[in-house]
N, C-alpha and C. Protein backbone atom coordinates (compact mmCIF):
# COMPACT_ATOMS: atom_id res chain seq x y z
N MET A 1 101.03 97.03 105.27
CA MET A 1 101.09 95.58 105.14
C MET A 1 100.78 94.96 106.50
N GLU A 2 99.92 93.97 106.52
CA GLU A 2 99.58 93.28 107.75
C GLU A 2 100.11 91.86 107.69
N THR A 3 100.69 91.43 108.78
CA THR A 3 101.14 90.05 108.87
C THR A 3 100.71 89.49 110.21
N ILE A 4 100.62 88.19 110.28
CA ILE A 4 100.24 87.55 111.53
C ILE A 4 101.42 86.76 112.06
N ASN A 5 101.77 87.04 113.29
CA ASN A 5 102.82 86.31 113.97
C ASN A 5 102.18 85.04 114.51
N ASP A 6 102.55 83.88 113.95
CA ASP A 6 101.90 82.63 114.30
C ASP A 6 102.02 82.25 115.77
N SER A 7 103.10 82.63 116.44
CA SER A 7 103.28 82.21 117.82
C SER A 7 102.35 82.95 118.78
N LYS A 8 101.97 84.19 118.46
CA LYS A 8 101.11 84.95 119.35
C LYS A 8 99.81 85.39 118.69
N GLN A 9 99.65 85.14 117.40
CA GLN A 9 98.48 85.55 116.64
C GLN A 9 98.21 87.04 116.73
N LYS A 10 99.27 87.85 116.76
CA LYS A 10 99.14 89.29 116.82
C LYS A 10 99.35 89.88 115.43
N VAL A 11 98.48 90.80 115.05
CA VAL A 11 98.59 91.46 113.76
C VAL A 11 99.64 92.57 113.86
N VAL A 12 100.54 92.60 112.90
CA VAL A 12 101.56 93.64 112.84
C VAL A 12 101.19 94.56 111.67
N ILE A 13 101.06 95.83 111.95
CA ILE A 13 100.67 96.80 110.94
C ILE A 13 101.85 97.72 110.66
N GLU A 14 102.16 97.89 109.39
CA GLU A 14 103.25 98.80 109.01
C GLU A 14 102.68 100.19 108.75
N TYR A 15 103.23 101.17 109.45
CA TYR A 15 102.76 102.56 109.34
C TYR A 15 103.76 103.39 108.56
N PRO A 16 103.31 104.47 107.95
CA PRO A 16 101.93 104.93 107.82
C PRO A 16 101.16 104.03 106.87
N CYS A 17 99.83 103.99 107.06
CA CYS A 17 98.99 103.18 106.19
C CYS A 17 97.58 103.78 106.11
N SER A 18 96.88 103.40 105.08
CA SER A 18 95.50 103.82 104.94
C SER A 18 94.64 102.97 105.88
N TRP A 19 93.69 103.61 106.57
CA TRP A 19 92.85 102.90 107.52
C TRP A 19 91.40 103.28 107.31
N CYS A 20 90.52 102.32 107.45
CA CYS A 20 89.09 102.57 107.28
C CYS A 20 88.36 102.31 108.60
N TYR A 21 87.62 103.32 109.04
CA TYR A 21 86.75 103.19 110.21
C TYR A 21 85.32 103.14 109.69
N LYS A 22 84.53 102.20 110.16
CA LYS A 22 83.10 102.17 109.85
C LYS A 22 82.41 102.83 111.03
N ILE A 23 81.63 103.87 110.73
CA ILE A 23 81.02 104.68 111.77
C ILE A 23 79.51 104.60 111.64
N ILE A 24 78.83 104.38 112.76
CA ILE A 24 77.37 104.24 112.77
C ILE A 24 76.78 105.36 113.62
N ALA A 25 75.74 105.99 113.07
CA ALA A 25 75.07 107.09 113.76
C ALA A 25 73.60 107.09 113.37
N SER A 26 72.84 107.99 114.00
CA SER A 26 71.41 108.06 113.72
C SER A 26 71.10 108.87 112.47
N GLU A 27 71.90 109.87 112.18
CA GLU A 27 71.62 110.67 111.00
C GLU A 27 72.90 111.11 110.31
N ARG A 28 72.81 111.25 109.00
CA ARG A 28 73.98 111.52 108.17
C ARG A 28 74.65 112.86 108.49
N ALA A 29 73.89 113.92 108.64
CA ALA A 29 74.47 115.24 108.88
C ALA A 29 75.26 115.24 110.20
N ALA A 30 74.71 114.63 111.23
CA ALA A 30 75.39 114.57 112.52
C ALA A 30 76.66 113.73 112.43
N LEU A 31 76.59 112.64 111.66
CA LEU A 31 77.76 111.79 111.49
C LEU A 31 78.87 112.54 110.75
N GLU A 32 78.51 113.24 109.70
CA GLU A 32 79.51 114.00 108.95
C GLU A 32 80.12 115.11 109.79
N GLN A 33 79.32 115.78 110.62
CA GLN A 33 79.84 116.81 111.51
C GLN A 33 80.76 116.21 112.56
N ALA A 34 80.40 115.05 113.09
CA ALA A 34 81.24 114.37 114.08
C ALA A 34 82.60 114.04 113.48
N ILE A 35 82.63 113.60 112.24
CA ILE A 35 83.90 113.30 111.58
C ILE A 35 84.74 114.57 111.49
N ARG A 36 84.12 115.68 111.07
CA ARG A 36 84.86 116.95 110.99
C ARG A 36 85.37 117.38 112.36
N ASP A 37 84.56 117.17 113.39
CA ASP A 37 84.96 117.54 114.75
C ASP A 37 86.22 116.78 115.18
N VAL A 38 86.28 115.52 114.82
CA VAL A 38 87.38 114.66 115.28
C VAL A 38 88.64 114.81 114.44
N ILE A 39 88.51 114.77 113.12
CA ILE A 39 89.73 114.76 112.31
C ILE A 39 90.13 116.12 111.77
N ASP A 40 89.31 117.14 112.02
CA ASP A 40 89.63 118.52 111.66
C ASP A 40 89.89 118.62 110.16
N ASP A 41 91.09 119.03 109.76
CA ASP A 41 91.35 119.27 108.33
C ASP A 41 92.27 118.22 107.70
N ARG A 42 92.38 117.04 108.31
CA ARG A 42 93.20 115.98 107.71
C ARG A 42 92.55 115.48 106.43
N ASP A 43 93.39 115.11 105.47
CA ASP A 43 92.88 114.52 104.23
C ASP A 43 92.16 113.22 104.57
N HIS A 44 90.97 113.05 104.00
CA HIS A 44 90.19 111.85 104.25
C HIS A 44 89.12 111.72 103.17
N SER A 45 88.49 110.58 103.14
CA SER A 45 87.33 110.40 102.28
C SER A 45 86.24 109.69 103.09
N VAL A 46 85.01 110.04 102.79
CA VAL A 46 83.86 109.46 103.47
C VAL A 46 82.94 108.89 102.40
N SER A 47 82.51 107.65 102.61
CA SER A 47 81.59 107.03 101.66
C SER A 47 80.46 106.35 102.41
N HIS A 48 79.30 106.34 101.78
CA HIS A 48 78.13 105.68 102.37
C HIS A 48 78.41 104.18 102.45
N SER A 49 78.02 103.58 103.55
CA SER A 49 78.22 102.15 103.71
C SER A 49 76.88 101.42 103.69
N ASN A 50 75.98 101.78 104.61
CA ASN A 50 74.74 101.04 104.72
C ASN A 50 73.72 101.85 105.52
N LYS A 51 72.48 101.41 105.46
CA LYS A 51 71.40 102.00 106.25
C LYS A 51 70.62 100.85 106.84
N SER A 52 70.22 100.98 108.10
CA SER A 52 69.48 99.90 108.73
C SER A 52 68.13 99.71 108.04
N LYS A 53 67.58 98.53 108.19
CA LYS A 53 66.31 98.20 107.53
C LYS A 53 65.21 99.18 107.91
N THR A 54 65.19 99.61 109.16
CA THR A 54 64.15 100.53 109.62
C THR A 54 64.51 102.00 109.36
N GLY A 55 65.76 102.25 108.93
CA GLY A 55 66.20 103.62 108.67
C GLY A 55 66.64 104.37 109.91
N LYS A 56 66.70 103.68 111.03
CA LYS A 56 67.08 104.33 112.29
C LYS A 56 68.56 104.67 112.33
N TYR A 57 69.39 103.86 111.68
CA TYR A 57 70.84 104.07 111.70
C TYR A 57 71.41 104.11 110.30
N ILE A 58 72.50 104.85 110.16
CA ILE A 58 73.25 104.94 108.91
C ILE A 58 74.71 104.64 109.24
N SER A 59 75.40 103.98 108.32
CA SER A 59 76.84 103.76 108.53
C SER A 59 77.60 104.33 107.34
N MET A 60 78.78 104.84 107.65
CA MET A 60 79.65 105.41 106.63
C MET A 60 81.06 104.92 106.88
N ASN A 61 81.86 104.89 105.80
CA ASN A 61 83.26 104.53 105.90
C ASN A 61 84.10 105.79 105.88
N LEU A 62 85.01 105.90 106.84
CA LEU A 62 85.96 106.99 106.89
C LEU A 62 87.33 106.42 106.58
N ASP A 63 87.92 106.86 105.47
CA ASP A 63 89.25 106.40 105.07
C ASP A 63 90.24 107.54 105.21
N LEU A 64 91.37 107.27 105.87
CA LEU A 64 92.42 108.27 105.99
C LEU A 64 93.75 107.60 106.30
N LEU A 65 94.81 108.38 106.18
CA LEU A 65 96.16 107.90 106.47
C LEU A 65 96.41 108.03 107.96
N VAL A 66 96.79 106.91 108.59
CA VAL A 66 97.19 106.96 110.00
C VAL A 66 98.70 106.78 110.05
N HIS A 67 99.33 107.52 110.95
CA HIS A 67 100.79 107.57 110.98
C HIS A 67 101.44 106.54 111.89
N ASN A 68 100.71 106.12 112.92
CA ASN A 68 101.26 105.14 113.85
C ASN A 68 100.11 104.57 114.70
N GLU A 69 100.41 103.64 115.56
CA GLU A 69 99.40 102.99 116.40
C GLU A 69 98.68 104.00 117.29
N ASP A 70 99.41 104.94 117.87
CA ASP A 70 98.78 105.94 118.73
C ASP A 70 97.80 106.80 117.95
N ASP A 71 98.17 107.18 116.75
CA ASP A 71 97.30 107.98 115.89
C ASP A 71 96.02 107.20 115.56
N ARG A 72 96.18 105.94 115.19
CA ARG A 72 95.04 105.10 114.84
C ARG A 72 94.08 104.92 116.01
N THR A 73 94.61 104.63 117.19
CA THR A 73 93.74 104.42 118.35
C THR A 73 93.17 105.73 118.88
N PHE A 74 93.91 106.84 118.75
CA PHE A 74 93.38 108.13 119.17
C PHE A 74 92.14 108.49 118.36
N ILE A 75 92.21 108.32 117.04
CA ILE A 75 91.07 108.63 116.19
C ILE A 75 89.89 107.71 116.52
N PHE A 76 90.16 106.43 116.68
CA PHE A 76 89.11 105.47 117.04
C PHE A 76 88.42 105.89 118.33
N ASP A 77 89.20 106.19 119.36
CA ASP A 77 88.64 106.57 120.66
C ASP A 77 87.87 107.88 120.59
N ALA A 78 88.40 108.85 119.86
CA ALA A 78 87.74 110.16 119.74
C ALA A 78 86.40 110.00 119.00
N LEU A 79 86.37 109.20 117.96
CA LEU A 79 85.12 108.95 117.26
C LEU A 79 84.13 108.25 118.17
N LYS A 80 84.60 107.24 118.90
CA LYS A 80 83.74 106.46 119.78
C LYS A 80 83.13 107.32 120.89
N ARG A 81 83.88 108.30 121.37
CA ARG A 81 83.41 109.17 122.46
C ARG A 81 82.46 110.27 121.99
N HIS A 82 82.43 110.54 120.69
CA HIS A 82 81.61 111.65 120.19
C HIS A 82 80.13 111.36 120.45
N GLN A 83 79.42 112.35 120.92
CA GLN A 83 78.02 112.18 121.33
C GLN A 83 77.08 111.77 120.19
N ASP A 84 77.41 112.09 118.95
CA ASP A 84 76.52 111.77 117.83
C ASP A 84 76.84 110.44 117.17
N ILE A 85 77.88 109.75 117.62
CA ILE A 85 78.26 108.47 117.03
C ILE A 85 77.84 107.34 117.96
N LYS A 86 77.15 106.37 117.39
CA LYS A 86 76.65 105.24 118.17
C LYS A 86 77.69 104.13 118.30
N MET A 87 78.47 103.90 117.20
CA MET A 87 79.44 102.80 117.23
C MET A 87 80.52 103.05 116.17
N VAL A 88 81.72 102.55 116.47
CA VAL A 88 82.84 102.61 115.53
C VAL A 88 83.42 101.21 115.40
N LEU A 89 83.63 100.79 114.19
CA LEU A 89 84.24 99.47 113.94
C LEU A 89 85.52 99.67 113.16
């Protein structure tokens, strides 16, 4: 559950919760391998999101259960640092 604290406009997230990362890469096989490299054997689902007009980039959604803020940011940072991933949202 997400709520907004009006005085500071900070989002409060209740953990554990399902989280979706949108991942952008140049090719599907490399993107799927990068996901396996980062999350290892955790339960997750991956779905196609979009492809750029020129076909240069592909995006996919990675959905998984995150246990706390540190877990969520660790996965985000690890995905972002992976050499085959161009961007994580």
